[in-house]
Protein backbone atom coordinates (compact mmCIF):
# COMPACT_ATOMS: atom_id res chain seq x y z
CA UNK A 1 31.51 -6.30 -11.62
CA UNK A 2 33.81 -8.56 -13.49
CA UNK A 3 31.97 -11.52 -12.17
CA UNK A 4 28.63 -9.65 -13.03
CA UNK A 5 29.37 -8.51 -16.22
CA UNK A 6 31.20 -12.26 -17.31
CA UNK A 7 28.15 -14.74 -16.08
CA UNK A 8 25.30 -12.15 -17.40
CA UNK A 9 23.68 -9.44 -19.40
CA UNK A 10 23.56 -7.12 -16.51
CA UNK A 11 24.98 -3.56 -17.61
CA UNK A 12 28.08 -3.14 -15.24
CA UNK A 13 30.86 -0.40 -15.52
CA UNK A 14 34.42 -1.76 -16.02
CA UNK A 15 36.07 -1.64 -12.86
CA UNK A 16 39.93 -0.25 -13.17
CA UNK A 17 41.15 -0.50 -10.04
CA UNK A 18 39.73 -1.85 -6.39
CA UNK A 19 41.32 -0.34 -3.31
CA UNK A 20 41.08 -2.48 0.19
CA UNK A 21 42.71 -0.83 2.19
CA UNK A 22 44.30 2.51 3.25
CA UNK A 23 40.85 4.70 3.88
CA UNK A 24 39.57 5.39 6.56
CA UNK A 25 35.54 3.76 6.46
CA UNK A 26 37.96 0.78 6.22
CA UNK A 27 35.80 0.10 3.42
CA UNK A 28 36.67 -1.39 -0.59
CA UNK A 29 37.06 1.59 -2.73
CA UNK A 30 36.40 1.03 -6.97
CA UNK A 31 38.16 2.89 -9.72
CA UNK A 32 35.06 2.13 -12.75
CA UNK A 33 34.38 3.31 -15.81
CA UNK A 34 31.92 6.64 -16.10
CA UNK A 35 28.23 6.34 -17.13
CA UNK A 36 26.49 8.57 -18.10
CA UNK A 37 22.98 9.26 -17.30
CA UNK A 38 21.33 9.50 -13.96
CA UNK A 39 20.75 7.93 -10.83
CA UNK A 40 17.45 6.08 -10.42
CA UNK A 41 16.52 7.59 -7.12
CA UNK A 42 16.80 11.10 -8.93
CA UNK A 43 15.49 10.55 -12.32
CA UNK A 44 12.41 8.46 -10.96
CA UNK A 45 9.90 11.59 -10.59
CA UNK A 46 10.59 12.80 -14.37
CA UNK A 47 10.16 8.97 -16.03
CA UNK A 48 6.70 8.32 -17.31
CA UNK A 49 4.73 5.60 -16.74
CA UNK A 50 5.79 3.57 -19.67
CA UNK A 51 9.50 4.13 -19.03
CA UNK A 52 9.03 3.14 -15.06
CA UNK A 53 7.45 0.00 -16.38
CA UNK A 54 10.21 -0.44 -18.56
CA UNK A 55 12.96 0.36 -15.72
CA UNK A 56 10.60 -1.87 -13.64
CA UNK A 57 10.85 -4.86 -15.79
CA UNK A 58 14.42 -4.47 -16.94
CA UNK A 59 15.89 -5.04 -13.32
CA UNK A 60 13.34 -7.77 -12.02
CA UNK A 61 15.40 -9.63 -15.33
CA UNK A 62 18.48 -8.37 -13.96
CA UNK A 63 18.02 -9.72 -10.44
CA UNK A 64 16.41 -12.61 -11.91
CA UNK A 65 19.94 -13.64 -13.40
CA UNK A 66 22.11 -12.57 -10.50
CA UNK A 67 19.42 -15.11 -8.31
CA UNK A 68 20.35 -17.76 -10.61
CA UNK A 69 24.34 -17.75 -10.62
CA UNK A 70 25.82 -20.18 -9.10
CA UNK A 71 29.19 -20.40 -7.17
CA UNK A 72 31.77 -22.67 -8.54
CA UNK A 73 32.78 -24.09 -5.08
CA UNK A 74 30.58 -24.95 -1.94
CA UNK A 75 31.92 -21.97 0.06
CA UNK A 76 30.08 -18.83 0.53
CA UNK A 77 32.42 -16.05 -0.13
CA UNK A 78 32.01 -13.18 -2.04
CA UNK A 79 32.43 -12.75 -5.77
CA UNK A 80 36.22 -12.30 -5.29
CA UNK A 81 36.44 -14.91 -2.77
CA UNK A 82 36.71 -12.90 0.27
CA UNK A 83 34.80 -12.41 3.08
CA UNK A 84 31.06 -11.52 2.59
CA UNK A 85 29.11 -7.96 3.54
CA UNK A 86 25.87 -8.99 5.61
CA UNK A 87 23.38 -5.82 6.46
CA UNK A 88 23.63 -2.55 5.13
CA UNK A 89 22.62 -0.29 8.57
CA UNK A 90 25.06 -1.65 10.71
CA UNK A 91 27.75 -3.95 7.99
CA UNK A 92 29.46 -6.61 8.94
CA UNK A 93 31.97 -8.74 6.69
CA UNK A 94 32.38 -12.65 7.64
CA UNK A 95 33.67 -15.59 6.12
CA UNK A 96 33.97 -16.80 3.82
CA UNK A 97 32.14 -19.79 5.14
CA UNK A 98 32.24 -23.90 4.55
CA UNK A 99 28.26 -24.30 5.42
CA UNK A 100 24.92 -22.77 5.48
CA UNK A 101 25.58 -23.42 9.74
CA UNK A 102 28.50 -21.18 9.55
CA UNK A 103 26.92 -18.42 7.64
CA UNK A 104 23.99 -18.18 9.72
CA UNK A 105 25.90 -18.57 13.21
CA UNK A 106 27.63 -16.00 11.88
CA UNK A 107 24.25 -13.43 11.16
CA UNK A 108 22.95 -14.13 14.85
CA UNK A 109 26.17 -13.79 16.41
CA UNK A 110 26.80 -11.45 19.63
CA UNK A 111 27.55 -7.97 17.67
CA UNK A 112 26.63 -5.12 20.27
CA UNK A 113 23.55 -5.30 22.05
CA UNK A 114 23.41 -7.72 25.14
CA UNK A 115 19.78 -7.23 25.57
CA UNK A 116 19.16 -8.89 22.25
CA UNK A 117 20.94 -12.13 23.17
CA UNK A 118 17.57 -13.69 23.90
CA UNK A 119 16.00 -12.47 20.15
CA UNK A 120 19.62 -13.70 19.15
CA UNK A 121 18.95 -17.19 20.08
CA UNK A 122 15.17 -17.15 18.70
CA UNK A 123 16.15 -16.00 15.54
CA UNK A 124 19.08 -18.93 15.04
CA UNK A 125 16.27 -21.70 16.08
CA UNK A 126 14.12 -20.49 13.40
CA UNK A 127 17.00 -20.98 10.38
CA UNK A 128 17.60 -23.54 8.54
CA UNK A 129 20.99 -24.79 7.56
CA UNK A 130 20.06 -26.61 4.60
CA UNK A 131 18.70 -22.87 2.66
CA UNK A 132 19.35 -22.75 -1.08
CA UNK A 133 21.89 -19.62 -1.26
CA UNK A 134 21.64 -16.90 -4.05
CA UNK A 135 24.12 -14.72 -5.13
CA UNK A 136 23.01 -11.06 -4.28
CA UNK A 137 23.88 -7.37 -4.70
CA UNK A 138 24.70 -6.35 -1.28
CA UNK A 139 23.22 -2.28 -2.40
CA UNK A 140 20.80 -2.67 -4.82
CA UNK A 141 19.07 0.43 -4.27
CA UNK A 142 18.09 3.50 -6.76
CA UNK A 143 21.21 5.44 -5.99
CA UNK A 144 23.14 2.88 -7.37
CA UNK A 145 21.32 2.21 -10.69
CA UNK A 146 22.35 4.46 -13.64
CA UNK A 147 19.43 5.07 -16.30
CA UNK A 148 19.15 7.44 -18.67
CA UNK A 149 15.93 7.89 -21.57
CA UNK A 150 14.31 5.20 -19.51
CA UNK A 151 16.61 2.62 -19.85
CA UNK A 152 18.58 1.08 -17.68
CA UNK A 153 22.29 2.07 -17.99
CA UNK A 154 24.31 0.60 -15.62
CA UNK A 155 24.33 -0.94 -12.25
CA UNK A 156 26.78 0.36 -9.58
CA UNK A 157 28.88 -1.31 -6.95
C-alpha cells in the first residue's frame, strides 16, 4: 500500500505494521489506519444511481492507474520485492520470477489434482511468454473498497 500511495492518487490507508509469520493462516497481516465509512459490498444497495456511477468512474480510474504502473526491475514480484500471490480461491505464493516464462510455468505447474494434467498441458501451450505484465491488486473486490457518501474513501489490502 505504501507503493500505491507513493505512485498513484489511489486512496489507501497508512500502514503501521506488516506481520509475515507467526499466525495460523500463514498469510500476511496488515495493521493499518482506520478508514471511516462502509465497505462497498454493504453500501452498494443504499447508493443512488448517480452515486453508483460516481463510484464506478472512480474505481475505473484507480484500476487504470494500477495497470499503468511499471516495475523498476525486470523481475516479476510483489511491490515489496517478495513472492507474488496467484489465485484467490486457492492462493499460492511463488517467485519472484526472472522471466514471463518462469511465471507462466508456475501458474500451470502441478498443484493437487492429477486429473488436471491434460488441462495444464493445453493451458501452458496456449500461454504466450512475451505478454505484458501489469501491476494488479490481488483482491480488488467490494469488501476491500471503503465508501462514504458515494465517494471512494480507500482501497484496502
